[in-house]
Amino acid sequence: MLKQTLADVAQLVEQRLDRLFNEVARGGCDEIFKTRVDARILDQVRDLTLRAGKRLRPALLMHGAGLFEESSMRSETVVDACGALELMHSYFLIHDDIIDDDDTRRGGPAVHAALAAQTGDRRLGENLAVLAGDLAVALHQPLLAGLSVDPARWQRALTLFSS
């Protein structure tokens, strides 16, 4: 049952994140990005974020929301909050792998290692990975900004994410 629940949560969150990544790739987030996002950096953020994670954080968030209002568990608002949480987590993982000099993550290359292989330059790969982590954290913002909840709840969500 838990395994199926995690798979269901993963599917919902990954579909939402995939839509966001496609929108950014098409240049559909002009209100956020005034220039086109480098495809290599976006592809690495997408790859890491959608790579076989357990999705425990989104599952906990989704079930926590369900404790207060069961019908909201799989709502667009909760799925967006889960996606924002996963992007925040990607940001931490990307920067952590650079700091710890870990070349693998979730069964694949760490973002800095993949970018180093693409560019043929380890330092450039690390520098681009810092930007990839920054992109991941920036991408969580439109998901949070668009949450359809009352202002007090929205303010609390922003406070929790920023802390």
Protein backbone atom coordinates (compact mmCIF):
# COMPACT_ATOMS: atom_id res chain seq x y z
CA MET A 1 0.00 0.00 0.00
CA LEU A 2 2.76 2.48 0.91
CA LYS A 3 4.66 1.61 -2.25
CA GLN A 4 1.56 2.28 -4.38
CA THR A 5 0.86 5.53 -2.52
CA LEU A 6 4.41 6.75 -3.17
CA ALA A 7 4.09 5.76 -6.83
CA ASP A 8 0.79 7.68 -7.13
CA VAL A 9 2.29 10.78 -5.50
CA ALA A 10 5.40 10.52 -7.69
CA GLN A 11 3.28 10.34 -10.83
CA LEU A 12 1.23 13.43 -9.94
CA VAL A 13 4.24 15.50 -8.93
CA GLU A 14 6.43 14.41 -11.84
CA GLN A 15 3.67 15.22 -14.35
CA ARG A 16 3.35 18.71 -12.87
CA LEU A 17 7.09 19.27 -12.88
CA ASP A 18 7.38 18.01 -16.44
CA ARG A 19 4.77 20.59 -17.51
CA LEU A 20 6.74 23.32 -15.74
CA PHE A 21 10.03 22.27 -17.36
CA ASN A 22 8.37 22.18 -20.80
CA GLU A 23 6.93 25.65 -20.24
CA VAL A 24 10.35 27.02 -19.30
CA ALA A 25 11.99 25.28 -22.27
CA ARG A 26 9.46 26.91 -24.61
CA GLY A 27 10.15 30.30 -23.06
CA GLY A 28 6.69 30.38 -21.49
CA CYS A 29 7.90 31.84 -18.19
CA ASP A 30 8.78 35.26 -19.55
CA GLU A 31 7.56 36.90 -16.37
CA ILE A 32 10.39 35.10 -14.56
CA PHE A 33 13.13 34.75 -17.15
CA LYS A 34 13.84 37.69 -19.44
CA THR A 35 16.33 35.59 -21.42
CA ARG A 36 16.10 32.01 -22.55
CA VAL A 37 17.35 29.46 -20.03
CA ASP A 38 20.42 27.55 -21.22
CA ALA A 39 19.12 24.15 -22.35
CA ARG A 40 22.05 22.26 -20.79
CA ILE A 41 21.33 23.72 -17.37
CA LEU A 42 17.56 23.23 -17.64
CA ASP A 43 18.02 19.66 -18.88
CA GLN A 44 20.22 18.83 -15.89
CA VAL A 45 17.74 20.29 -13.40
CA ARG A 46 14.95 18.37 -15.12
CA ASP A 47 16.95 15.15 -15.19
CA LEU A 48 17.91 15.25 -11.52
CA THR A 49 14.49 16.39 -10.32
CA LEU A 50 12.62 13.71 -12.25
CA ARG A 51 15.19 10.96 -11.64
CA ALA A 52 13.89 8.05 -9.53
CA GLY A 53 13.55 9.75 -6.17
CA LYS A 54 11.32 8.23 -3.49
CA ARG A 55 9.10 11.35 -3.26
CA LEU A 56 8.77 10.99 0.52
CA ARG A 57 8.61 14.74 1.09
CA PRO A 58 5.74 15.29 -1.35
CA ALA A 59 3.93 12.25 0.05
CA LEU A 60 4.19 13.66 3.57
CA LEU A 61 3.03 17.08 2.40
CA MET A 62 0.12 15.59 0.47
CA HIS A 63 -0.99 13.40 3.36
CA GLY A 64 -0.55 16.28 5.80
CA ALA A 65 -2.91 18.36 3.66
CA GLY A 66 -5.32 15.44 3.64
CA LEU A 67 -5.43 15.42 7.42
CA PHE A 68 -7.07 18.84 7.32
CA GLU A 69 -9.17 18.43 4.21
CA GLU A 70 -9.15 15.02 2.54
CA SER A 71 -10.56 16.33 -0.72
CA SER A 72 -7.57 18.69 -1.12
CA MET A 73 -4.97 15.93 -1.01
CA ARG A 74 -4.53 15.64 -4.77
CA SER A 75 -5.67 19.13 -5.66
CA GLU A 76 -3.70 21.29 -8.07
CA THR A 77 -2.68 23.52 -5.17
CA VAL A 78 -1.23 20.67 -3.13
CA VAL A 79 0.48 19.13 -6.17
CA ASP A 80 2.06 22.53 -6.95
CA ALA A 81 3.31 22.79 -3.37
CA CYS A 82 4.74 19.27 -3.68
CA GLY A 83 6.48 20.25 -6.92
CA ALA A 84 7.92 23.34 -5.27
CA LEU A 85 9.24 21.15 -2.46
CA GLU A 86 10.93 18.80 -4.94
CA LEU A 87 12.57 21.72 -6.76
CA MET A 88 13.84 23.10 -3.46
CA HIS A 89 15.23 19.65 -2.68
CA SER A 90 16.96 19.52 -6.09
CA TYR A 91 18.59 22.85 -5.33
CA PHE A 92 20.00 21.47 -2.08
CA LEU A 93 21.19 18.25 -3.74
CA ILE A 94 22.94 20.03 -6.61
CA HIS A 95 24.86 22.35 -4.31
CA ASP A 96 25.56 19.57 -1.78
CA ASP A 97 27.10 17.36 -4.48
CA ILE A 98 29.45 20.18 -5.51
CA ILE A 99 30.48 20.86 -1.92
CA ASP A 100 31.00 17.16 -1.13
CA ASP A 101 32.54 16.42 -4.54
CA ASP A 102 30.05 13.58 -5.10
CA ASP A 103 29.93 12.57 -8.74
CA THR A 104 26.76 10.45 -8.57
CA ARG A 105 23.23 11.07 -7.36
CA ARG A 106 20.16 8.84 -7.57
CA GLY A 107 21.92 6.30 -9.76
CA GLY A 108 23.18 8.81 -12.32
CA PRO A 109 25.76 11.53 -12.65
CA ALA A 110 25.58 14.47 -10.28
CA VAL A 111 24.71 17.67 -12.11
CA HIS A 112 28.23 19.11 -11.89
CA ALA A 113 29.73 15.84 -13.15
CA ALA A 114 27.31 15.69 -16.10
CA LEU A 115 27.99 19.30 -17.03
CA ALA A 116 31.75 18.76 -16.69
CA ALA A 117 31.48 15.81 -19.08
CA GLN A 118 29.44 17.90 -21.54
CA THR A 119 31.84 20.84 -21.49
CA GLY A 120 35.09 18.92 -21.02
CA ASP A 121 35.98 21.22 -18.12
CA ARG A 122 35.43 20.25 -14.48
CA ARG A 123 35.53 23.81 -13.15
CA LEU A 124 33.09 25.04 -15.78
CA GLY A 125 30.85 22.06 -14.97
CA GLU A 126 30.84 23.05 -11.30
CA ASN A 127 30.14 26.69 -12.12
CA LEU A 128 27.26 25.75 -14.41
CA ALA A 129 25.93 23.38 -11.73
CA VAL A 130 25.79 26.27 -9.26
CA LEU A 131 23.61 28.05 -11.81
CA ALA A 132 21.54 24.87 -12.22
CA GLY A 133 20.92 24.77 -8.49
CA ASP A 134 19.97 28.43 -8.57
CA LEU A 135 17.57 27.68 -11.44
CA ALA A 136 15.95 24.88 -9.42
CA VAL A 137 15.31 27.20 -6.50
CA ALA A 138 14.02 29.92 -8.84
CA LEU A 139 11.60 27.48 -10.47
CA HIS A 140 9.94 26.68 -7.18
CA GLN A 141 8.80 30.31 -6.92
CA PRO A 142 6.13 30.32 -9.67
CA LEU A 143 4.61 27.17 -8.18
CA LEU A 144 4.40 28.79 -4.75
CA ALA A 145 3.25 32.13 -6.13
CA GLY A 146 0.36 30.48 -7.91
CA LEU A 147 -1.01 28.56 -4.92
CA SER A 148 -4.74 29.06 -4.77
CA VAL A 149 -5.24 29.43 -1.02
CA ASP A 150 -6.37 32.14 1.34
CA PRO A 151 -3.75 34.84 2.02
CA ALA A 152 -2.97 33.73 5.59
CA ARG A 153 -2.32 30.15 4.49
CA TRP A 154 -0.26 31.36 1.52
CA GLN A 155 1.84 33.54 3.83
CA ARG A 156 2.41 30.55 6.13
CA ALA A 157 3.50 28.40 3.18
CA LEU A 158 6.01 31.04 2.07
CA THR A 159 7.33 31.33 5.61
CA LEU A 160 7.78 27.56 5.86
CA PHE A 161 9.60 27.38 2.52
CA SER A 162 11.91 30.27 3.36
CA SER A 163 12.81 28.86 6.75
